[in-house]
PDB file of N, CA and C in Angstrom:
ATOM      1  N   LEU A   1     150.717  56.344  -0.086  1.00  0.00           N
ATOM      2  CA  LEU A   1     149.342  56.653   0.272  1.00  0.00           C
ATOM      3  C   LEU A   1     149.267  58.044   0.871  1.00  0.00           C
ATOM      4  N   VAL A   2     148.122  58.671   0.706  1.00  0.00           N
ATOM      5  CA  VAL A   2     147.905  60.024   1.192  1.00  0.00           C
ATOM      6  C   VAL A   2     146.891  59.988   2.328  1.00  0.00           C
ATOM      7  N   ASN A   3     147.249  60.589   3.442  1.00  0.00           N
ATOM      8  CA  ASN A   3     146.319  60.714   4.555  1.00  0.00           C
ATOM      9  C   ASN A   3     145.543  62.013   4.418  1.00  0.00           C
ATOM     10  N   PHE A   4     144.297  62.001   4.890  1.00  0.00           N
ATOM     11  CA  PHE A   4     143.490  63.214   4.934  1.00  0.00           C
ATOM     12  C   PHE A   4     142.904  63.360   6.316  1.00  0.00           C
ATOM     13  N   PRO A   5     143.219  64.471   6.992  1.00  0.00           N
ATOM     14  CA  PRO A   5     144.179  65.486   6.583  1.00  0.00           C
ATOM     15  C   PRO A   5     145.599  64.939   6.651  1.00  0.00           C
ATOM     16  N   GLY A   6     146.482  65.595   5.948  1.00  0.00           N
ATOM     17  CA  GLY A   6     147.874  65.160   5.911  1.00  0.00           C
ATOM     18  C   GLY A   6     148.626  65.828   4.788  1.00  0.00           C
ATOM     19  N   THR A   7     149.862  65.364   4.587  1.00  0.00           N
ATOM     20  CA  THR A   7     150.719  65.943   3.553  1.00  0.00           C
ATOM     21  C   THR A   7     150.884  64.960   2.407  1.00  0.00           C
ATOM     22  N   VAL A   8     150.723  65.444   1.204  1.00  0.00           N
ATOM     23  CA  VAL A   8     150.920  64.614   0.019  1.00  0.00           C
ATOM     24  C   VAL A   8     152.406  64.270  -0.066  1.00  0.00           C
ATOM     25  N   PRO A   9     152.728  63.001  -0.239  1.00  0.00           N
ATOM     26  CA  PRO A   9     154.145  62.643  -0.355  1.00  0.00           C
ATOM     27  C   PRO A   9     154.743  63.162  -1.667  1.00  0.00           C
ATOM     28  N   ASP A  10     156.031  63.028  -1.789  1.00  0.00           N
ATOM     29  CA  ASP A  10     156.717  63.414  -3.025  1.00  0.00           C
ATOM     30  C   ASP A  10     156.250  62.471  -4.136  1.00  0.00           C
ATOM     31  N   LEU A  11     155.635  63.015  -5.148  1.00  0.00           N
ATOM     32  CA  LEU A  11     155.087  62.211  -6.246  1.00  0.00           C
ATOM     33  C   LEU A  11     155.991  62.174  -7.467  1.00  0.00           C
ATOM     34  N   SER A  12     157.163  62.772  -7.369  1.00  0.00           N
ATOM     35  CA  SER A  12     158.026  62.906  -8.544  1.00  0.00           C
ATOM     36  C   SER A  12     158.463  61.564  -9.143  1.00  0.00           C
ATOM     37  N   LYS A  13     158.483  60.516  -8.350  1.00  0.00           N
ATOM     38  CA  LYS A  13     158.891  59.207  -8.875  1.00  0.00           C
ATOM     39  C   LYS A  13     157.729  58.394  -9.459  1.00  0.00           C
ATOM     40  N   VAL A  14     156.501  58.896  -9.271  1.00  0.00           N
ATOM     41  CA  VAL A  14     155.350  58.131  -9.753  1.00  0.00           C
ATOM     42  C   VAL A  14     154.499  58.855 -10.792  1.00  0.00           C
ATOM     43  N   VAL A  15     154.700  60.170 -10.954  1.00  0.00           N
ATOM     44  CA  VAL A  15     153.975  60.909 -11.996  1.00  0.00           C
ATOM     45  C   VAL A  15     154.951  61.813 -12.743  1.00  0.00           C
ATOM     46  N   ALA A  16     154.653  62.064 -13.975  1.00  0.00           N
ATOM     47  CA  ALA A  16     155.500  62.947 -14.793  1.00  0.00           C
ATOM     48  C   ALA A  16     155.472  64.366 -14.228  1.00  0.00           C
ATOM     49  N   ALA A  17     156.551  65.080 -14.426  1.00  0.00           N
ATOM     50  CA  ALA A  17     156.677  66.435 -13.893  1.00  0.00           C
ATOM     51  C   ALA A  17     155.581  67.367 -14.415  1.00  0.00           C
ATOM     52  N   ASP A  18     155.066  67.116 -15.625  1.00  0.00           N
ATOM     53  CA  ASP A  18     154.028  67.974 -16.175  1.00  0.00           C
ATOM     54  C   ASP A  18     152.608  67.476 -15.878  1.00  0.00           C
ATOM     55  N   HIS A  19     152.493  66.406 -15.118  1.00  0.00           N
ATOM     56  CA  HIS A  19     151.188  65.871 -14.738  1.00  0.00           C
ATOM     57  C   HIS A  19     150.567  66.770 -13.671  1.00  0.00           C
ATOM     58  N   TRP A  20     149.243  66.945 -13.697  1.00  0.00           N
ATOM     59  CA  TRP A  20     148.583  67.827 -12.732  1.00  0.00           C
ATOM     60  C   TRP A  20     148.857  67.406 -11.294  1.00  0.00           C
ATOM     61  N   ALA A  21     148.984  66.107 -11.035  1.00  0.00           N
ATOM     62  CA  ALA A  21     149.203  65.630  -9.665  1.00  0.00           C
ATOM     63  C   ALA A  21     150.571  66.021  -9.127  1.00  0.00           C
ATOM     64  N   ALA A  22     151.540  66.229 -10.013  1.00  0.00           N
ATOM     65  CA  ALA A  22     152.890  66.603  -9.566  1.00  0.00           C
ATOM     66  C   ALA A  22     152.869  67.908  -8.782  1.00  0.00           C
ATOM     67  N   LYS A  23     151.937  68.785  -9.102  1.00  0.00           N
ATOM     68  CA  LYS A  23     151.830  70.065  -8.400  1.00  0.00           C
ATOM     69  C   LYS A  23     151.384  69.898  -6.950  1.00  0.00           C
ATOM     70  N   LEU A  24     150.840  68.736  -6.636  1.00  0.00           N
ATOM     71  CA  LEU A  24     150.351  68.491  -5.274  1.00  0.00           C
ATOM     72  C   LEU A  24     151.426  67.949  -4.334  1.00  0.00           C
ATOM     73  N   SER A  25     152.565  67.538  -4.872  1.00  0.00           N
ATOM     74  CA  SER A  25     153.632  66.995  -4.031  1.00  0.00           C
ATOM     75  C   SER A  25     153.946  67.929  -2.875  1.00  0.00           C
ATOM     76  N   GLN A  26     154.010  67.330  -1.696  1.00  0.00           N
ATOM     77  CA  GLN A  26     154.399  68.037  -0.472  1.00  0.00           C
ATOM     78  C   GLN A  26     153.412  69.110  -0.017  1.00  0.00           C
ATOM     79  N   THR A  27     152.192  69.118  -0.563  1.00  0.00           N
ATOM     80  CA  THR A  27     151.208  70.087  -0.092  1.00  0.00           C
ATOM     81  C   THR A  27     150.408  69.488   1.054  1.00  0.00           C
ATOM     82  N   GLU A  28     149.960  70.340   1.935  1.00  0.00           N
ATOM     83  CA  GLU A  28     149.168  69.892   3.075  1.00  0.00           C
ATOM     84  C   GLU A  28     147.699  69.861   2.676  1.00  0.00           C
ATOM     85  N   LEU A  29     147.021  68.765   2.992  1.00  0.00           N
ATOM     86  CA  LEU A  29     145.592  68.627   2.730  1.00  0.00           C
ATOM     87  C   LEU A  29     144.863  68.818   4.054  1.00  0.00           C
ATOM     88  N   LYS A  30     143.954  69.796   4.088  1.00  0.00           N
ATOM     89  CA  LYS A  30     143.252  70.114   5.323  1.00  0.00           C
ATOM     90  C   LYS A  30     141.745  70.102   5.103  1.00  0.00           C
ATOM     91  N   VAL A  31     141.019  69.837   6.162  1.00  0.00           N
ATOM     92  CA  VAL A  31     139.560  69.896   6.121  1.00  0.00           C
ATOM     93  C   VAL A  31     139.129  71.282   5.656  1.00  0.00           C
ATOM     94  N   GLU A  32     139.808  72.305   6.132  1.00  0.00           N
ATOM     95  CA  GLU A  32     139.466  73.682   5.783  1.00  0.00           C
ATOM     96  C   GLU A  32     139.585  73.940   4.276  1.00  0.00           C
ATOM     97  N   ASP A  33     140.464  73.202   3.607  1.00  0.00           N
ATOM     98  CA  ASP A  33     140.636  73.378   2.159  1.00  0.00           C
ATOM     99  C   ASP A  33     139.378  72.966   1.395  1.00  0.00           C
ATOM    100  N   VAL A  34     138.725  71.910   1.860  1.00  0.00           N
ATOM    101  CA  VAL A  34     137.482  71.480   1.208  1.00  0.00           C
ATOM    102  C   VAL A  34     136.434  72.568   1.390  1.00  0.00           C
ATOM    103  N   GLU A  35     136.312  73.058   2.598  1.00  0.00           N
ATOM    104  CA  GLU A  35     135.340  74.119   2.873  1.00  0.00           C
ATOM    105  C   GLU A  35     135.633  75.358   2.023  1.00  0.00           C
ATOM    106  N   ALA A  36     136.898  75.728   1.909  1.00  0.00           N
ATOM    107  CA  ALA A  36     137.276  76.901   1.111  1.00  0.00           C
ATOM    108  C   ALA A  36     136.941  76.695  -0.368  1.00  0.00           C
ATOM    109  N   ALA A  37     137.197  75.513  -0.889  1.00  0.00           N
ATOM    110  CA  ALA A  37     136.885  75.223  -2.294  1.00  0.00           C
ATOM    111  C   ALA A  37     135.374  75.270  -2.537  1.00  0.00           C
ATOM    112  N   PHE A  38     134.598  74.733  -1.615  1.00  0.00           N
ATOM    113  CA  PHE A  38     133.141  74.761  -1.758  1.00  0.00           C
ATOM    114  C   PHE A  38     132.616  76.188  -1.628  1.00  0.00           C
ATOM    115  N   ALA A  39     133.202  76.981  -0.753  1.00  0.00           N
ATOM    116  CA  ALA A  39     132.787  78.383  -0.604  1.00  0.00           C
ATOM    117  C   ALA A  39     133.055  79.146  -1.897  1.00  0.00           C
ATOM    118  N   LYS A  40     134.196  78.879  -2.519  1.00  0.00           N
ATOM    119  CA  LYS A  40     134.529  79.532  -3.791  1.00  0.00           C
ATOM    120  C   LYS A  40     133.521  79.128  -4.875  1.00  0.00           C
ATOM    121  N   ALA A  41     133.199  77.842  -4.938  1.00  0.00           N
ATOM    122  CA  ALA A  41     132.213  77.373  -5.910  1.00  0.00           C
ATOM    123  C   ALA A  41     130.846  77.993  -5.632  1.00  0.00           C
ATOM    124  N   ALA A  42     130.471  78.059  -4.366  1.00  0.00           N
ATOM    125  CA  ALA A  42     129.173  78.638  -4.001  1.00  0.00           C
ATOM    126  C   ALA A  42     129.095  80.106  -4.403  1.00  0.00           C
ATOM    127  N   ALA A  43     130.185  80.838  -4.227  1.00  0.00           N
ATOM    128  CA  ALA A  43     130.211  82.252  -4.617  1.00  0.00           C
ATOM    129  C   ALA A  43     130.051  82.392  -6.133  1.00  0.00           C
ATOM    130  N   TRP A  44     130.724  81.519  -6.893  1.00  0.00           N
ATOM    131  CA  TRP A  44     130.600  81.562  -8.348  1.00  0.00           C
ATOM    132  C   TRP A  44     129.157  81.263  -8.757  1.00  0.00           C
ATOM    133  N   ILE A  45     128.576  80.258  -8.145  1.00  0.00           N
ATOM    134  CA  ILE A  45     127.196  79.877  -8.468  1.00  0.00           C
ATOM    135  C   ILE A  45     126.244  81.032  -8.160  1.00  0.00           C
ATOM    136  N   GLU A  46     126.431  81.653  -7.013  1.00  0.00           N
ATOM    137  CA  GLU A  46     125.563  82.775  -6.627  1.00  0.00           C
ATOM    138  C   GLU A  46     125.661  83.924  -7.632  1.00  0.00           C
ATOM    139  N   LYS A  47     126.844  84.145  -8.151  1.00  0.00           N
ATOM    140  CA  LYS A  47     127.050  85.239  -9.119  1.00  0.00           C
ATOM    141  C   LYS A  47     126.539  84.887 -10.512  1.00  0.00           C
ATOM    142  N   HIS A  48     126.828  83.673 -10.978  1.00  0.00           N
ATOM    143  CA  HIS A  48     126.561  83.308 -12.366  1.00  0.00           C
ATOM    144  C   HIS A  48     125.309  82.448 -12.582  1.00  0.00           C
ATOM    145  N   ALA A  49     124.837  81.816 -11.539  1.00  0.00           N
ATOM    146  CA  ALA A  49     123.670  80.941 -11.689  1.00  0.00           C
ATOM    147  C   ALA A  49     122.812  80.965 -10.426  1.00  0.00           C
ATOM    148  N   PRO A  50     122.429  82.162  -9.972  1.00  0.00           N
ATOM    149  CA  PRO A  50     121.673  82.240  -8.722  1.00  0.00           C
ATOM    150  C   PRO A  50     120.368  81.450  -8.788  1.00  0.00           C
ATOM    151  N   GLY A  51     120.083  80.774  -7.690  1.00  0.00           N
ATOM    152  CA  GLY A  51     118.846  80.005  -7.609  1.00  0.00           C
ATOM    153  C   GLY A  51     118.909  78.625  -8.237  1.00  0.00           C
ATOM    154  N   LYS A  52     120.009  78.312  -8.899  1.00  0.00           N
ATOM    155  CA  LYS A  52     120.144  76.990  -9.524  1.00  0.00           C
ATOM    156  C   LYS A  52     120.511  75.947  -8.473  1.00  0.00           C
ATOM    157  N   GLU A  53     120.021  74.740  -8.659  1.00  0.00           N
ATOM    158  CA  GLU A  53     120.377  73.643  -7.768  1.00  0.00           C
ATOM    159  C   GLU A  53     121.746  73.114  -8.159  1.00  0.00           C
ATOM    160  N   VAL A  54     122.473  72.617  -7.186  1.00  0.00           N
ATOM    161  CA  VAL A  54     123.819  72.095  -7.416  1.00  0.00           C
ATOM    162  C   VAL A  54     123.837  70.609  -7.080  1.00  0.00           C
ATOM    163  N   TYR A  55     124.483  69.859  -7.956  1.00  0.00           N
ATOM    164  CA  TYR A  55     124.645  68.421  -7.756  1.00  0.00           C
ATOM    165  C   TYR A  55     126.130  68.088  -7.844  1.00  0.00           C
ATOM    166  N   LEU A  56     126.688  67.586  -6.761  1.00  0.00           N
ATOM    167  CA  LEU A  56     128.081  67.143  -6.725  1.00  0.00           C
ATOM    168  C   LEU A  56     128.082  65.712  -7.249  1.00  0.00           C
ATOM    169  N   GLY A  57     128.428  65.558  -8.524  1.00  0.00           N
ATOM    170  CA  GLY A  57     128.253  64.304  -9.241  1.00  0.00           C
ATOM    171  C   GLY A  57     128.917  63.088  -8.633  1.00  0.00           C
ATOM    172  N   GLU A  58     130.174  63.144  -8.340  1.00  0.00           N
ATOM    173  CA  GLU A  58     130.850  61.971  -7.785  1.00  0.00           C
ATOM    174  C   GLU A  58     132.045  62.410  -6.965  1.00  0.00           C
ATOM    175  N   PHE A  59     132.204  61.794  -5.817  1.00  0.00           N
ATOM    176  CA  PHE A  59     133.414  61.953  -5.031  1.00  0.00           C
ATOM    177  C   PHE A  59     133.666  60.638  -4.326  1.00  0.00           C
ATOM    178  N   GLY A  60     134.902  60.410  -3.947  1.00  0.00           N
ATOM    179  CA  GLY A  60     135.213  59.150  -3.301  1.00  0.00           C
ATOM    180  C   GLY A  60     136.658  59.052  -2.881  1.00  0.00           C
ATOM    181  N   CYS A  61     136.992  57.891  -2.354  1.00  0.00           N
ATOM    182  CA  CYS A  61     138.345  57.593  -1.876  1.00  0.00           C
ATOM    183  C   CYS A  61     138.706  56.182  -2.285  1.00  0.00           C
ATOM    184  N   TYR A  62     139.887  56.031  -2.815  1.00  0.00           N
ATOM    185  CA  TYR A  62     140.364  54.715  -3.236  1.00  0.00           C
ATOM    186  C   TYR A  62     140.559  53.814  -2.028  1.00  0.00           C
ATOM    187  N   GLU A  63     140.199  52.545  -2.170  1.00  0.00           N
ATOM    188  CA  GLU A  63     140.218  51.600  -1.056  1.00  0.00           C
ATOM    189  C   GLU A  63     141.587  51.376  -0.425  1.00  0.00           C
ATOM    190  N   ALA A  64     142.668  51.685  -1.125  1.00  0.00           N
ATOM    191  CA  ALA A  64     144.008  51.492  -0.567  1.00  0.00           C
ATOM    192  C   ALA A  64     144.378  52.576   0.444  1.00  0.00           C
ATOM    193  N   ALA A  65     143.643  53.685   0.437  1.00  0.00           N
ATOM    194  CA  ALA A  65     143.923  54.762   1.389  1.00  0.00           C
ATOM    195  C   ALA A  65     143.567  54.300   2.802  1.00  0.00           C
ATOM    196  N   PRO A  66     144.220  54.859   3.799  1.00  0.00           N
ATOM    197  CA  PRO A  66     143.931  54.474   5.183  1.00  0.00           C
ATOM    198  C   PRO A  66     142.450  54.699   5.531  1.00  0.00           C
ATOM    199  N   ALA A  67     141.878  53.776   6.286  1.00  0.00           N
ATOM    200  CA  ALA A  67     140.448  53.805   6.608  1.00  0.00           C
ATOM    201  C   ALA A  67     140.015  55.123   7.241  1.00  0.00           C
ATOM    202  N   GLU A  68     140.737  55.592   8.242  1.00  0.00           N
ATOM    203  CA  GLU A  68     140.323  56.828   8.912  1.00  0.00           C
ATOM    204  C   GLU A  68     140.388  58.021   7.965  1.00  0.00           C
ATOM    205  N   SER A  69     141.367  58.036   7.060  1.00  0.00           N
ATOM    206  CA  SER A  69     141.458  59.110   6.072  1.00  0.00           C
ATOM    207  C   SER A  69     140.253  59.097   5.141  1.00  0.00           C
ATOM    208  N   ARG A  70     139.867  57.917   4.692  1.00  0.00           N
ATOM    209  CA  ARG A  70     138.699  57.808   3.807  1.00  0.00           C
ATOM    210  C   ARG A  70     137.445  58.270   4.519  1.00  0.00           C
ATOM    211  N   ARG A  71     137.274  57.795   5.742  1.00  0.00           N
ATOM    212  CA  ARG A  71     136.104  58.165   6.524  1.00  0.00           C
ATOM    213  C   ARG A  71     136.041  59.689   6.709  1.00  0.00           C
ATOM    214  N   THR A  72     137.169  60.290   7.060  1.00  0.00           N
ATOM    215  CA  THR A  72     137.216  61.735   7.295  1.00  0.00           C
ATOM    216  C   THR A  72     136.947  62.522   6.018  1.00  0.00           C
ATOM    217  N   PHE A  73     137.563  62.112   4.909  1.00  0.00           N
ATOM    218  CA  PHE A  73     137.357  62.825   3.647  1.00  0.00           C
ATOM    219  C   PHE A  73     135.897  62.759   3.213  1.00  0.00           C
ATOM    220  N   ILE A  74     135.312  61.585   3.243  1.00  0.00           N
ATOM    221  CA  ILE A  74     133.926  61.407   2.821  1.00  0.00           C
ATOM    222  C   ILE A  74     132.999  62.257   3.685  1.00  0.00           C
ATOM    223  N   THR A  75     133.203  62.218   4.991  1.00  0.00           N
ATOM    224  CA  THR A  75     132.382  63.016   5.898  1.00  0.00           C
ATOM    225  C   THR A  75     132.553  64.508   5.615  1.00  0.00           C
ATOM    226  N   THR A  76     133.780  64.939   5.384  1.00  0.00           N
ATOM    227  CA  THR A  76     134.063  66.349   5.120  1.00  0.00           C
ATOM    228  C   THR A  76     133.356  66.837   3.864  1.00  0.00           C
ATOM    229  N   VAL A  77     133.463  66.081   2.786  1.00  0.00           N
ATOM    230  CA  VAL A  77     132.846  66.489   1.518  1.00  0.00           C
ATOM    231  C   VAL A  77     131.320  66.455   1.624  1.00  0.00           C
ATOM    232  N   ARG A  78     130.787  65.382   2.169  1.00  0.00           N
ATOM    233  CA  ARG A  78     129.330  65.281   2.304  1.00  0.00           C
ATOM    234  C   ARG A  78     128.779  66.430   3.144  1.00  0.00           C
ATOM    235  N   THR A  79     129.421  66.699   4.266  1.00  0.00           N
ATOM    236  CA  THR A  79     128.964  67.760   5.162  1.00  0.00           C
ATOM    237  C   THR A  79     129.015  69.132   4.485  1.00  0.00           C
ATOM    238  N   ALA A  80     130.104  69.399   3.763  1.00  0.00           N
ATOM    239  CA  ALA A  80     130.242  70.685   3.076  1.00  0.00           C
ATOM    240  C   ALA A  80     129.163  70.851   2.005  1.00  0.00           C
ATOM    241  N   ALA A  81     128.851  69.785   1.291  1.00  0.00           N
ATOM    242  CA  ALA A  81     127.807  69.845   0.262  1.00  0.00           C
ATOM    243  C   ALA A  81     126.435  70.051   0.896  1.00  0.00           C
ATOM    244  N   GLU A  82     126.134  69.277   1.911  1.00  0.00           N
ATOM    245  CA  GLU A  82     124.816  69.359   2.536  1.00  0.00           C
ATOM    246  C   GLU A  82     124.605  70.694   3.242  1.00  0.00           C
ATOM    247  N   ARG A  83     125.657  71.269   3.791  1.00  0.00           N
ATOM    248  CA  ARG A  83     125.553  72.575   4.450  1.00  0.00           C
ATOM    249  C   ARG A  83     125.030  73.628   3.467  1.00  0.00           C
ATOM    250  N   ARG A  84     125.332  73.422   2.201  1.00  0.00           N
ATOM    251  CA  ARG A  84     124.914  74.369   1.163  1.00  0.00           C
ATOM    252  C   ARG A  84     123.642  73.924   0.435  1.00  0.00           C
ATOM    253  N   GLY A  85     123.105  72.797   0.830  1.00  0.00           N
ATOM    254  CA  GLY A  85     121.905  72.294   0.175  1.00  0.00           C
ATOM    255  C   GLY A  85     122.174  71.631  -1.161  1.00  0.00           C
ATOM    256  N   TRP A  86     123.410  71.225  -1.408  1.00  0.00           N
ATOM    257  CA  TRP A  86     123.779  70.580  -2.660  1.00  0.00           C
ATOM    258  C   TRP A  86     123.498  69.082  -2.597  1.00  0.00           C
ATOM    259  N   GLY A  87     123.002  68.536  -3.689  1.00  0.00           N
ATOM    260  CA  GLY A  87     122.869  67.097  -3.806  1.00  0.00           C
ATOM    261  C   GLY A  87     124.241  66.487  -4.072  1.00  0.00           C
ATOM    262  N   TRP A  88     124.387  65.184  -3.838  1.00  0.00           N
ATOM    263  CA  TRP A  88     125.692  64.551  -4.029  1.00  0.00           C
ATOM    264  C   TRP A  88     125.523  63.070  -4.343  1.00  0.00           C
ATOM    265  N   ALA A  89     126.595  62.483  -4.846  1.00  0.00           N
ATOM    266  CA  ALA A  89     126.669  61.034  -5.067  1.00  0.00           C
ATOM    267  C   ALA A  89     128.110  60.602  -4.868  1.00  0.00           C
ATOM    268  N   VAL A  90     128.294  59.423  -4.308  1.00  0.00           N
ATOM    269  CA  VAL A  90     129.648  58.887  -4.172  1.00  0.00           C
ATOM    270  C   VAL A  90     130.015  58.127  -5.434  1.00  0.00           C
ATOM    271  N   TRP A  91     131.300  57.805  -5.554  1.00  0.00           N
ATOM    272  CA  TRP A  91     131.855  57.268  -6.783  1.00  0.00           C
ATOM    273  C   TRP A  91     131.228  55.943  -7.207  1.00  0.00           C
ATOM    274  N   ASP A  92     131.188  54.961  -6.324  1.00  0.00           N
ATOM    275  CA  ASP A  92     130.618  53.690  -6.757  1.00  0.00           C
ATOM    276  C   ASP A  92     130.071  52.882  -5.591  1.00  0.00           C
ATOM    277  N   TYR A  93     129.492  51.750  -5.926  1.00  0.00           N
ATOM    278  CA  TYR A  93     128.815  50.936  -4.925  1.00  0.00           C
ATOM    279  C   TYR A  93     129.673  49.780  -4.413  1.00  0.00           C
ATOM    280  N   LYS A  94     130.208  48.949  -5.312  1.00  0.00           N
ATOM    281  CA  LYS A  94     130.962  47.763  -4.887  1.00  0.00           C
ATOM    282  C   LYS A  94     132.235  47.586  -5.699  1.00  0.00           C
ATOM    283  N   SER A  95     133.107  48.584  -5.705  1.00  0.00           N
ATOM    284  CA  SER A  95     134.360  48.457  -6.428  1.00  0.00           C
ATOM    285  C   SER A  95     135.462  49.115  -5.626  1.00  0.00           C
ATOM    286  N   SER A  96     136.407  49.763  -6.275  1.00  0.00           N
ATOM    287  CA  SER A  96     137.576  50.323  -5.598  1.00  0.00           C
ATOM    288  C   SER A  96     137.280  51.530  -4.716  1.00  0.00           C
ATOM    289  N   PHE A  97     136.116  52.143  -4.894  1.00  0.00           N
ATOM    290  CA  PHE A  97     135.712  53.309  -4.092  1.00  0.00           C
ATOM    291  C   PHE A  97     134.405  52.990  -3.354  1.00  0.00           C
ATOM    292  N   ALA A  98     134.185  51.756  -3.048  1.00  0.00           N
ATOM    293  CA  ALA A  98     132.885  51.205  -2.662  1.00  0.00           C
ATOM    294  C   ALA A  98     132.309  51.666  -1.331  1.00  0.00           C
ATOM    295  N   VAL A  99     130.974  51.693  -1.290  1.00  0.00           N
ATOM    296  CA  VAL A  99     130.261  51.873  -0.036  1.00  0.00           C
ATOM    297  C   VAL A  99     129.964  50.516   0.596  1.00  0.00           C
ATOM    298  N   ARG A 100     130.010  49.471  -0.223  1.00  0.00           N
ATOM    299  CA  ARG A 100     129.845  48.100   0.269  1.00  0.00           C
ATOM    300  C   ARG A 100     130.927  47.227  -0.348  1.00  0.00           C
ATOM    301  N   GLY A 101     131.454  46.318   0.458  1.00  0.00           N
ATOM    302  CA  GLY A 101     132.468  45.394  -0.024  1.00  0.00           C
ATOM    303  C   GLY A 101     131.860  44.319  -0.908  1.00  0.00           C
ATOM    304  N   ALA A 102     132.701  43.493  -1.491  1.00  0.00           N
ATOM    305  CA  ALA A 102     132.232  42.400  -2.343  1.00  0.00           C
ATOM    306  C   ALA A 102     131.301  41.463  -1.581  1.00  0.00           C
ATOM    307  N   ASP A 103     131.486  41.405  -0.261  1.00  0.00           N
ATOM    308  CA  ASP A 103     130.644  40.569   0.583  1.00  0.00           C
ATOM    309  C   ASP A 103     129.340  41.253   0.985  1.00  0.00           C
ATOM    310  N   GLY A 104     129.147  42.500   0.534  1.00  0.00           N
ATOM    311  CA  GLY A 104     127.934  43.242   0.849  1.00  0.00           C
ATOM    312  C   GLY A 104     127.992  44.019   2.151  1.00  0.00           C
ATOM    313  N   LYS A 105     129.075  43.841   2.909  1.00  0.00           N
ATOM    314  CA  LYS A 105     129.194  44.541   4.188  1.00  0.00           C
ATOM    315  C   LYS A 105     129.584  46.001   3.974  1.00  0.00           C
ATOM    316  N   PRO A 106     129.141  46.886   4.875  1.00  0.00           N
ATOM    317  CA  PRO A 106     129.480  48.306   4.750  1.00  0.00           C
ATOM    318  C   PRO A 106     130.989  48.543   4.815  1.00  0.00           C
ATOM    319  N   THR A 107     131.449  49.542   4.077  1.00  0.00           N
ATOM    320  CA  THR A 107     132.850  49.959   4.118  1.00  0.00           C
ATOM    321  C   THR A 107     132.960  51.234   4.943  1.00  0.00           C
ATOM    322  N   VAL A 108     134.189  51.702   5.135  1.00  0.00           N
ATOM    323  CA  VAL A 108     134.373  52.967   5.850  1.00  0.00           C
ATOM    324  C   VAL A 108     133.785  54.132   5.069  1.00  0.00           C
ATOM    325  N   VAL A 109     133.644  53.993   3.760  1.00  0.00           N
ATOM    326  CA  VAL A 109     132.991  55.044   2.970  1.00  0.00           C
ATOM    327  C   VAL A 109     131.544  55.208   3.423  1.00  0.00           C
ATOM    328  N   LEU A 110     130.837  54.109   3.573  1.00  0.00           N
ATOM    329  CA  LEU A 110     129.455  54.180   4.046  1.00  0.00           C
ATOM    330  C   LEU A 110     129.414  54.750   5.454  1.00  0.00           C
ATOM    331  N   GLU A 111     130.353  54.376   6.280  1.00  0.00           N
ATOM    332  CA  GLU A 111     130.432  54.931   7.630  1.00  0.00           C
ATOM    333  C   GLU A 111     130.641  56.445   7.588  1.00  0.00           C
ATOM    334  N   GLY A 112     131.461  56.913   6.654  1.00  0.00           N
ATOM    335  CA  GLY A 112     131.691  58.346   6.520  1.00  0.00           C
ATOM    336  C   GLY A 112     130.469  59.096   6.006  1.00  0.00           C
ATOM    337  N   LEU A 113     129.661  58.418   5.237  1.00  0.00           N
ATOM    338  CA  LEU A 113     128.453  59.047   4.713  1.00  0.00           C
ATOM    339  C   LEU A 113     127.359  59.141   5.770  1.00  0.00           C
ATOM    340  N   PHE A 114     127.208  58.079   6.509  1.00  0.00           N
ATOM    341  CA  PHE A 114     126.115  57.993   7.470  1.00  0.00           C
ATOM    342  C   PHE A 114     126.645  57.451   8.786  1.00  0.00           C
ATOM    343  N   LYS A 115     127.122  58.333   9.625  1.00  0.00           N
ATOM    344  CA  LYS A 115     127.649  57.923  10.945  1.00  0.00           C
ATOM    345  C   LYS A 115     126.570  57.188  11.707  1.00  0.00           C
ATOM    346  N   ARG A 116     126.984  56.114  12.346  1.00  0.00           N
ATOM    347  CA  ARG A 116     126.013  55.309  13.108  1.00  0.00           C
ATOM    348  C   ARG A 116     126.214  55.476  14.576  1.00  0.00           C
TER     349      ARG A 116
END
């Protein structure tokens, strides 16, 4: 499992060496990295599509990831998008990336989206 923020474990035993995820082995994942990636995207948009609205189609965290990591990642991405006025959507409603569990109760994803 990967914590956010945290370091990606060695993935060499679970993904092929030429798989895109293999390049992430042993890299540090930081809140600042999300902000930097969004800033880069915002700069591209300003240059190539000024005035266009941006919609972040789907983002999420797999339910097997640690709860605090999921909560932090969701909050980080949502905040970075909203800071720029971008619309967003999370991955799904009641499945492996759910905002609500099978019982209908809120998950940590929902908590990360809307702090109570």
